[in-house]
Amino acid sequence: RVRLLEIVRESPYRLIRVDTCRDAEDGEDMIPPIRDEILNLLKSKPHLTQDLPEEYIKFIHSLTTEGPFIDVSIHSICHDTNTKQQLLETLSLERRFKLFLDFLKNECQRHELYKLLQGQTSDDEIELN
């Protein structure tokens, strides 16, 4: 993460000066339970990762450092660009974990509602409805 400090020049290409932003290390003791909850959701709700190759899902599960784990998860699972931007801009690791968990729970609720509204109609027939 970087913070834009100054646009040095625009031509012939943009040159900027930046400052790196470190993850805020608050509430780190709260992260492991949230991480476990995220991993459980990813295992139990395959629709959350349906667009990802199995090897990539295994890669996410193998990440042991908190920052890379949550950033790779957000980047690959969150498809809404505004939400993804908000999540990745959040400097507090604990807050980023909580926001991503909330996002996943909302996605699960949306999926359940979709399935309920779909009823017995198969995915192949849904556009005929």
N, C-alpha and C. Protein backbone atom coordinates (compact mmCIF):
# COMPACT_ATOMS: atom_id res chain seq x y z
N ARG A 1 0.84 -1.17 0.00
CA ARG A 1 0.00 0.00 0.00
C ARG A 1 0.88 1.23 0.00
N VAL A 2 0.48 2.17 -0.79
CA VAL A 2 1.23 3.42 -0.86
C VAL A 2 0.26 4.59 -0.80
N ARG A 3 0.78 5.72 -0.38
CA ARG A 3 0.01 6.96 -0.36
C ARG A 3 0.67 7.91 -1.36
N LEU A 4 -0.13 8.45 -2.24
CA LEU A 4 0.38 9.40 -3.24
C LEU A 4 0.74 10.70 -2.54
N LEU A 5 1.97 11.11 -2.70
CA LEU A 5 2.42 12.36 -2.10
C LEU A 5 2.42 13.51 -3.09
N GLU A 6 2.86 13.19 -4.32
CA GLU A 6 3.01 14.27 -5.29
C GLU A 6 3.10 13.69 -6.69
N ILE A 7 2.47 14.38 -7.63
CA ILE A 7 2.68 14.06 -9.04
C ILE A 7 3.85 14.93 -9.48
N VAL A 8 4.97 14.30 -9.78
CA VAL A 8 6.18 15.02 -10.13
C VAL A 8 6.09 15.59 -11.54
N ARG A 9 5.59 14.76 -12.47
CA ARG A 9 5.39 15.24 -13.83
C ARG A 9 4.37 14.34 -14.52
N GLU A 10 3.81 14.87 -15.59
CA GLU A 10 2.79 14.16 -16.36
C GLU A 10 3.31 13.65 -17.71
N SER A 11 4.34 14.32 -18.24
CA SER A 11 4.77 14.00 -19.59
C SER A 11 6.27 13.75 -19.60
N PRO A 12 6.79 12.87 -20.35
CA PRO A 12 6.13 12.02 -21.35
C PRO A 12 5.36 10.85 -20.71
N TYR A 13 5.54 10.64 -19.42
CA TYR A 13 4.76 9.66 -18.67
C TYR A 13 4.64 10.17 -17.24
N ARG A 14 3.65 9.68 -16.54
CA ARG A 14 3.41 10.16 -15.18
C ARG A 14 4.49 9.62 -14.24
N LEU A 15 5.02 10.50 -13.46
CA LEU A 15 6.00 10.16 -12.44
C LEU A 15 5.45 10.68 -11.12
N ILE A 16 5.38 9.81 -10.13
CA ILE A 16 4.82 10.22 -8.84
C ILE A 16 5.78 9.89 -7.71
N ARG A 17 5.58 10.56 -6.61
CA ARG A 17 6.32 10.28 -5.39
C ARG A 17 5.32 9.71 -4.40
N VAL A 18 5.68 8.58 -3.77
CA VAL A 18 4.77 7.90 -2.86
C VAL A 18 5.45 7.63 -1.52
N ASP A 19 4.62 7.32 -0.56
CA ASP A 19 5.08 6.90 0.76
C ASP A 19 4.40 5.56 1.05
N THR A 20 5.14 4.60 1.54
CA THR A 20 4.53 3.30 1.83
C THR A 20 3.67 3.39 3.08
N CYS A 21 2.61 2.62 3.08
CA CYS A 21 1.69 2.57 4.23
C CYS A 21 1.80 1.18 4.85
N ARG A 22 2.11 1.15 6.10
CA ARG A 22 2.20 -0.13 6.79
C ARG A 22 0.83 -0.53 7.31
N ASP A 23 0.65 -1.85 7.44
CA ASP A 23 -0.57 -2.34 8.07
C ASP A 23 -0.58 -1.91 9.53
N ALA A 24 -1.70 -1.39 10.00
CA ALA A 24 -1.84 -1.08 11.41
C ALA A 24 -1.95 -2.40 12.16
N GLU A 25 -1.19 -2.54 13.20
CA GLU A 25 -1.13 -3.81 13.91
C GLU A 25 -1.95 -3.75 15.19
N ASP A 26 -3.20 -3.43 15.05
CA ASP A 26 -4.09 -3.38 16.21
C ASP A 26 -4.97 -4.61 16.25
N GLY A 27 -5.25 -5.09 17.43
CA GLY A 27 -6.19 -6.20 17.58
C GLY A 27 -5.73 -7.50 16.94
N GLU A 28 -4.42 -7.73 16.87
CA GLU A 28 -3.93 -8.94 16.20
C GLU A 28 -4.40 -10.22 16.88
N ASP A 29 -4.70 -10.16 18.18
CA ASP A 29 -5.18 -11.36 18.87
C ASP A 29 -6.59 -11.75 18.41
N MET A 30 -7.31 -10.81 17.79
CA MET A 30 -8.66 -11.09 17.29
C MET A 30 -8.64 -11.71 15.90
N ILE A 31 -7.51 -11.63 15.21
CA ILE A 31 -7.45 -12.08 13.82
C ILE A 31 -7.57 -13.59 13.65
N PRO A 32 -6.85 -14.43 14.43
CA PRO A 32 -6.95 -15.88 14.18
C PRO A 32 -8.38 -16.45 14.20
N PRO A 33 -9.24 -16.06 15.14
CA PRO A 33 -10.61 -16.59 15.08
C PRO A 33 -11.37 -16.12 13.83
N ILE A 34 -11.15 -14.87 13.42
CA ILE A 34 -11.81 -14.36 12.22
C ILE A 34 -11.27 -15.09 10.99
N ARG A 35 -9.96 -15.31 10.96
CA ARG A 35 -9.35 -16.06 9.86
C ARG A 35 -9.94 -17.46 9.77
N ASP A 36 -10.08 -18.12 10.91
CA ASP A 36 -10.69 -19.46 10.94
C ASP A 36 -12.11 -19.43 10.40
N GLU A 37 -12.85 -18.41 10.77
CA GLU A 37 -14.23 -18.28 10.29
C GLU A 37 -14.26 -18.06 8.77
N ILE A 38 -13.34 -17.27 8.27
CA ILE A 38 -13.24 -17.05 6.82
C ILE A 38 -12.91 -18.36 6.12
N LEU A 39 -11.92 -19.09 6.63
CA LEU A 39 -11.54 -20.36 6.02
C LEU A 39 -12.69 -21.37 6.05
N ASN A 40 -13.43 -21.40 7.16
CA ASN A 40 -14.59 -22.30 7.25
C ASN A 40 -15.65 -21.95 6.22
N LEU A 41 -15.90 -20.65 6.03
CA LEU A 41 -16.87 -20.22 5.02
C LEU A 41 -16.40 -20.63 3.62
N LEU A 42 -15.12 -20.44 3.34
CA LEU A 42 -14.60 -20.78 2.02
C LEU A 42 -14.70 -22.28 1.75
N LYS A 43 -14.54 -23.09 2.81
CA LYS A 43 -14.66 -24.55 2.66
C LYS A 43 -16.11 -24.98 2.53
N SER A 44 -16.98 -24.39 3.32
CA SER A 44 -18.37 -24.86 3.38
C SER A 44 -19.28 -24.22 2.33
N LYS A 45 -18.85 -23.13 1.74
CA LYS A 45 -19.68 -22.42 0.75
C LYS A 45 -18.90 -22.31 -0.56
N PRO A 46 -18.89 -23.36 -1.37
CA PRO A 46 -18.08 -23.37 -2.59
C PRO A 46 -18.45 -22.29 -3.60
N HIS A 47 -19.66 -21.75 -3.52
CA HIS A 47 -20.04 -20.70 -4.47
C HIS A 47 -19.17 -19.45 -4.30
N LEU A 48 -18.57 -19.27 -3.12
CA LEU A 48 -17.72 -18.10 -2.88
C LEU A 48 -16.44 -18.15 -3.73
N THR A 49 -15.98 -19.35 -4.05
CA THR A 49 -14.72 -19.51 -4.79
C THR A 49 -14.92 -20.25 -6.10
N GLN A 50 -16.14 -20.29 -6.61
CA GLN A 50 -16.44 -21.10 -7.79
C GLN A 50 -15.66 -20.68 -9.03
N ASP A 51 -15.23 -19.44 -9.12
CA ASP A 51 -14.51 -18.97 -10.30
C ASP A 51 -13.00 -19.19 -10.20
N LEU A 52 -12.54 -19.74 -9.08
CA LEU A 52 -11.11 -19.90 -8.87
C LEU A 52 -10.68 -21.35 -9.09
N PRO A 53 -9.49 -21.55 -9.67
CA PRO A 53 -8.96 -22.91 -9.80
C PRO A 53 -8.70 -23.51 -8.41
N GLU A 54 -8.82 -24.81 -8.30
CA GLU A 54 -8.61 -25.51 -7.02
C GLU A 54 -7.22 -25.22 -6.45
N GLU A 55 -6.22 -25.15 -7.31
CA GLU A 55 -4.85 -24.89 -6.85
C GLU A 55 -4.75 -23.51 -6.19
N TYR A 56 -5.50 -22.56 -6.71
CA TYR A 56 -5.46 -21.21 -6.15
C TYR A 56 -6.13 -21.19 -4.78
N ILE A 57 -7.21 -21.93 -4.64
CA ILE A 57 -7.89 -22.03 -3.34
C ILE A 57 -6.95 -22.65 -2.32
N LYS A 58 -6.23 -23.69 -2.73
CA LYS A 58 -5.24 -24.31 -1.84
C LYS A 58 -4.14 -23.32 -1.47
N PHE A 59 -3.74 -22.49 -2.44
CA PHE A 59 -2.73 -21.48 -2.19
C PHE A 59 -3.21 -20.50 -1.12
N ILE A 60 -4.45 -20.04 -1.23
CA ILE A 60 -5.01 -19.12 -0.22
C ILE A 60 -4.96 -19.77 1.16
N HIS A 61 -5.38 -21.02 1.23
CA HIS A 61 -5.38 -21.73 2.52
C HIS A 61 -3.97 -21.91 3.08
N SER A 62 -2.98 -21.95 2.21
CA SER A 62 -1.60 -22.19 2.67
C SER A 62 -0.91 -20.93 3.19
N LEU A 63 -1.45 -19.77 2.91
CA LEU A 63 -0.81 -18.52 3.35
C LEU A 63 -0.90 -18.39 4.87
N THR A 64 0.23 -18.28 5.52
CA THR A 64 0.25 -18.25 6.99
C THR A 64 0.40 -16.84 7.56
N THR A 65 0.90 -15.91 6.76
CA THR A 65 1.05 -14.53 7.23
C THR A 65 -0.28 -13.81 7.00
N GLU A 66 -0.73 -13.10 8.02
CA GLU A 66 -2.07 -12.51 8.01
C GLU A 66 -2.30 -11.52 6.87
N GLY A 67 -1.38 -10.59 6.66
CA GLY A 67 -1.55 -9.57 5.63
C GLY A 67 -1.70 -10.17 4.23
N PRO A 68 -0.74 -10.98 3.79
CA PRO A 68 -0.89 -11.61 2.46
C PRO A 68 -2.13 -12.48 2.35
N PHE A 69 -2.48 -13.21 3.42
CA PHE A 69 -3.67 -14.06 3.37
C PHE A 69 -4.91 -13.23 3.05
N ILE A 70 -5.13 -12.15 3.81
CA ILE A 70 -6.36 -11.39 3.63
C ILE A 70 -6.34 -10.62 2.32
N ASP A 71 -5.17 -10.11 1.92
CA ASP A 71 -5.10 -9.34 0.67
C ASP A 71 -5.33 -10.22 -0.55
N VAL A 72 -4.73 -11.40 -0.58
CA VAL A 72 -4.93 -12.33 -1.70
C VAL A 72 -6.38 -12.79 -1.73
N SER A 73 -6.95 -13.06 -0.56
CA SER A 73 -8.35 -13.50 -0.49
C SER A 73 -9.28 -12.42 -1.03
N ILE A 74 -9.08 -11.20 -0.58
CA ILE A 74 -9.92 -10.09 -1.04
C ILE A 74 -9.77 -9.92 -2.55
N HIS A 75 -8.53 -9.88 -3.00
CA HIS A 75 -8.27 -9.65 -4.42
C HIS A 75 -8.92 -10.70 -5.31
N SER A 76 -8.90 -11.96 -4.89
CA SER A 76 -9.37 -13.03 -5.76
C SER A 76 -10.85 -13.36 -5.58
N ILE A 77 -11.44 -13.04 -4.45
CA ILE A 77 -12.82 -13.46 -4.17
C ILE A 77 -13.81 -12.31 -4.32
N CYS A 78 -13.42 -11.12 -3.96
CA CYS A 78 -14.33 -9.97 -4.03
C CYS A 78 -14.34 -9.42 -5.45
N HIS A 79 -15.49 -9.52 -6.12
CA HIS A 79 -15.59 -9.07 -7.52
C HIS A 79 -16.14 -7.65 -7.66
N ASP A 80 -16.73 -7.11 -6.61
CA ASP A 80 -17.24 -5.74 -6.66
C ASP A 80 -16.07 -4.79 -6.45
N THR A 81 -15.77 -3.98 -7.46
CA THR A 81 -14.58 -3.13 -7.41
C THR A 81 -14.61 -2.09 -6.30
N ASN A 82 -15.77 -1.53 -6.02
CA ASN A 82 -15.86 -0.54 -4.94
C ASN A 82 -15.59 -1.18 -3.58
N THR A 83 -16.18 -2.34 -3.36
CA THR A 83 -15.96 -3.05 -2.09
C THR A 83 -14.51 -3.48 -1.98
N LYS A 84 -13.97 -4.02 -3.07
CA LYS A 84 -12.57 -4.45 -3.06
C LYS A 84 -11.65 -3.28 -2.74
N GLN A 85 -11.90 -2.13 -3.36
CA GLN A 85 -11.09 -0.94 -3.10
C GLN A 85 -11.16 -0.54 -1.64
N GLN A 86 -12.36 -0.52 -1.08
CA GLN A 86 -12.54 -0.16 0.33
C GLN A 86 -11.77 -1.13 1.23
N LEU A 87 -11.89 -2.42 0.94
CA LEU A 87 -11.21 -3.42 1.76
C LEU A 87 -9.70 -3.27 1.69
N LEU A 88 -9.19 -3.13 0.48
CA LEU A 88 -7.73 -3.08 0.32
C LEU A 88 -7.13 -1.76 0.79
N GLU A 89 -7.93 -0.70 0.91
CA GLU A 89 -7.45 0.57 1.45
C GLU A 89 -7.41 0.59 2.97
N THR A 90 -8.07 -0.35 3.60
CA THR A 90 -8.16 -0.38 5.06
C THR A 90 -6.81 -0.79 5.65
N LEU A 91 -6.19 0.07 6.43
CA LEU A 91 -4.86 -0.21 6.97
C LEU A 91 -4.90 -1.16 8.16
N SER A 92 -5.94 -1.11 8.94
CA SER A 92 -6.04 -1.99 10.11
C SER A 92 -6.31 -3.42 9.65
N LEU A 93 -5.39 -4.32 9.99
CA LEU A 93 -5.58 -5.73 9.61
C LEU A 93 -6.85 -6.31 10.23
N GLU A 94 -7.07 -6.01 11.51
CA GLU A 94 -8.27 -6.54 12.17
C GLU A 94 -9.52 -6.03 11.46
N ARG A 95 -9.56 -4.77 11.15
CA ARG A 95 -10.72 -4.18 10.46
C ARG A 95 -10.89 -4.79 9.08
N ARG A 96 -9.79 -5.01 8.36
CA ARG A 96 -9.85 -5.61 7.03
C ARG A 96 -10.42 -7.02 7.12
N PHE A 97 -9.98 -7.79 8.11
CA PHE A 97 -10.50 -9.14 8.32
C PHE A 97 -12.00 -9.10 8.61
N LYS A 98 -12.41 -8.20 9.50
CA LYS A 98 -13.83 -8.11 9.86
C LYS A 98 -14.69 -7.69 8.67
N LEU A 99 -14.21 -6.69 7.92
CA LEU A 99 -14.98 -6.23 6.75
C LEU A 99 -15.10 -7.33 5.70
N PHE A 100 -14.03 -8.08 5.50
CA PHE A 100 -14.07 -9.16 4.51
C PHE A 100 -15.00 -10.28 4.98
N LEU A 101 -14.97 -10.60 6.26
CA LEU A 101 -15.89 -11.61 6.79
C LEU A 101 -17.33 -11.15 6.61
N ASP A 102 -17.62 -9.89 6.88
CA ASP A 102 -18.97 -9.36 6.65
C ASP A 102 -19.35 -9.47 5.18
N PHE A 103 -18.41 -9.15 4.30
CA PHE A 103 -18.66 -9.28 2.86
C PHE A 103 -19.03 -10.73 2.51
N LEU A 104 -18.26 -11.68 3.01
CA LEU A 104 -18.52 -13.10 2.71
C LEU A 104 -19.89 -13.53 3.24
N LYS A 105 -20.22 -13.10 4.44
CA LYS A 105 -21.53 -13.44 5.01
C LYS A 105 -22.66 -12.86 4.18
N ASN A 106 -22.49 -11.62 3.72
CA ASN A 106 -23.50 -11.01 2.85
C ASN A 106 -23.63 -11.76 1.53
N GLU A 107 -22.51 -12.19 0.97
CA GLU A 107 -22.54 -12.97 -0.26
C GLU A 107 -23.27 -14.30 -0.04
N CYS A 108 -23.08 -14.91 1.10
CA CYS A 108 -23.79 -16.16 1.42
C CYS A 108 -25.29 -15.91 1.53
N GLN A 109 -25.68 -14.81 2.16
CA GLN A 109 -27.09 -14.47 2.27
C GLN A 109 -27.70 -14.20 0.90
N ARG A 110 -26.97 -13.47 0.06
CA ARG A 110 -27.45 -13.21 -1.31
C ARG A 110 -27.63 -14.51 -2.09
N HIS A 111 -26.68 -15.42 -1.92
CA HIS A 111 -26.74 -16.70 -2.62
C HIS A 111 -27.94 -17.53 -2.14
N GLU A 112 -28.15 -17.55 -0.84
CA GLU A 112 -29.30 -18.29 -0.28
C GLU A 112 -30.61 -17.71 -0.79
N LEU A 113 -30.72 -16.39 -0.82
CA LEU A 113 -31.93 -15.75 -1.32
C LEU A 113 -32.14 -16.08 -2.80
N TYR A 114 -31.08 -16.04 -3.58
CA TYR A 114 -31.16 -16.38 -4.99
C TYR A 114 -31.66 -17.81 -5.17
N LYS A 115 -31.11 -18.73 -4.40
CA LYS A 115 -31.53 -20.14 -4.49
C LYS A 115 -32.99 -20.29 -4.08
N LEU A 116 -33.41 -19.56 -3.07
CA LEU A 116 -34.80 -19.61 -2.63
C LEU A 116 -35.73 -19.09 -3.72
N LEU A 117 -35.37 -17.97 -4.33
CA LEU A 117 -36.19 -17.41 -5.40
C LEU A 117 -36.16 -18.28 -6.65
N GLN A 118 -35.06 -18.96 -6.88
CA GLN A 118 -34.92 -19.83 -8.04
C GLN A 118 -35.83 -21.05 -7.93
N GLY A 119 -36.05 -21.51 -6.70
CA GLY A 119 -36.91 -22.66 -6.49
C GLY A 119 -36.37 -23.91 -7.16
N GLN A 120 -37.24 -24.63 -7.85
CA GLN A 120 -36.86 -25.87 -8.51
C GLN A 120 -36.27 -25.66 -9.90
N THR A 121 -36.23 -24.42 -10.35
CA THR A 121 -35.71 -24.13 -11.68
C THR A 121 -34.20 -24.37 -11.69
N SER A 122 -33.71 -25.15 -12.64
CA SER A 122 -32.28 -25.42 -12.72
C SER A 122 -31.55 -24.19 -13.24
N ASP A 123 -30.25 -24.15 -13.01
CA ASP A 123 -29.44 -23.02 -13.48
C ASP A 123 -29.53 -22.88 -14.99
N ASP A 124 -29.63 -23.99 -15.71
CA ASP A 124 -29.73 -23.96 -17.18
C ASP A 124 -31.05 -23.35 -17.66
N GLU A 125 -32.11 -23.48 -16.86
CA GLU A 125 -33.43 -23.01 -17.26
C GLU A 125 -33.78 -21.62 -16.72
N ILE A 126 -32.92 -21.05 -15.87
CA ILE A 126 -33.28 -19.83 -15.17
C ILE A 126 -33.55 -18.67 -16.12
N GLU A 127 -32.82 -18.58 -17.23
CA GLU A 127 -33.08 -17.45 -18.14
C GLU A 127 -34.36 -17.62 -18.94
N LEU A 128 -34.96 -18.80 -18.92
CA LEU A 128 -36.26 -19.02 -19.56
C LEU A 128 -37.40 -18.52 -18.68
N ASN A 129 -37.12 -18.30 -17.43
CA ASN A 129 -38.12 -17.90 -16.46
C ASN A 129 -38.57 -16.47 -16.64
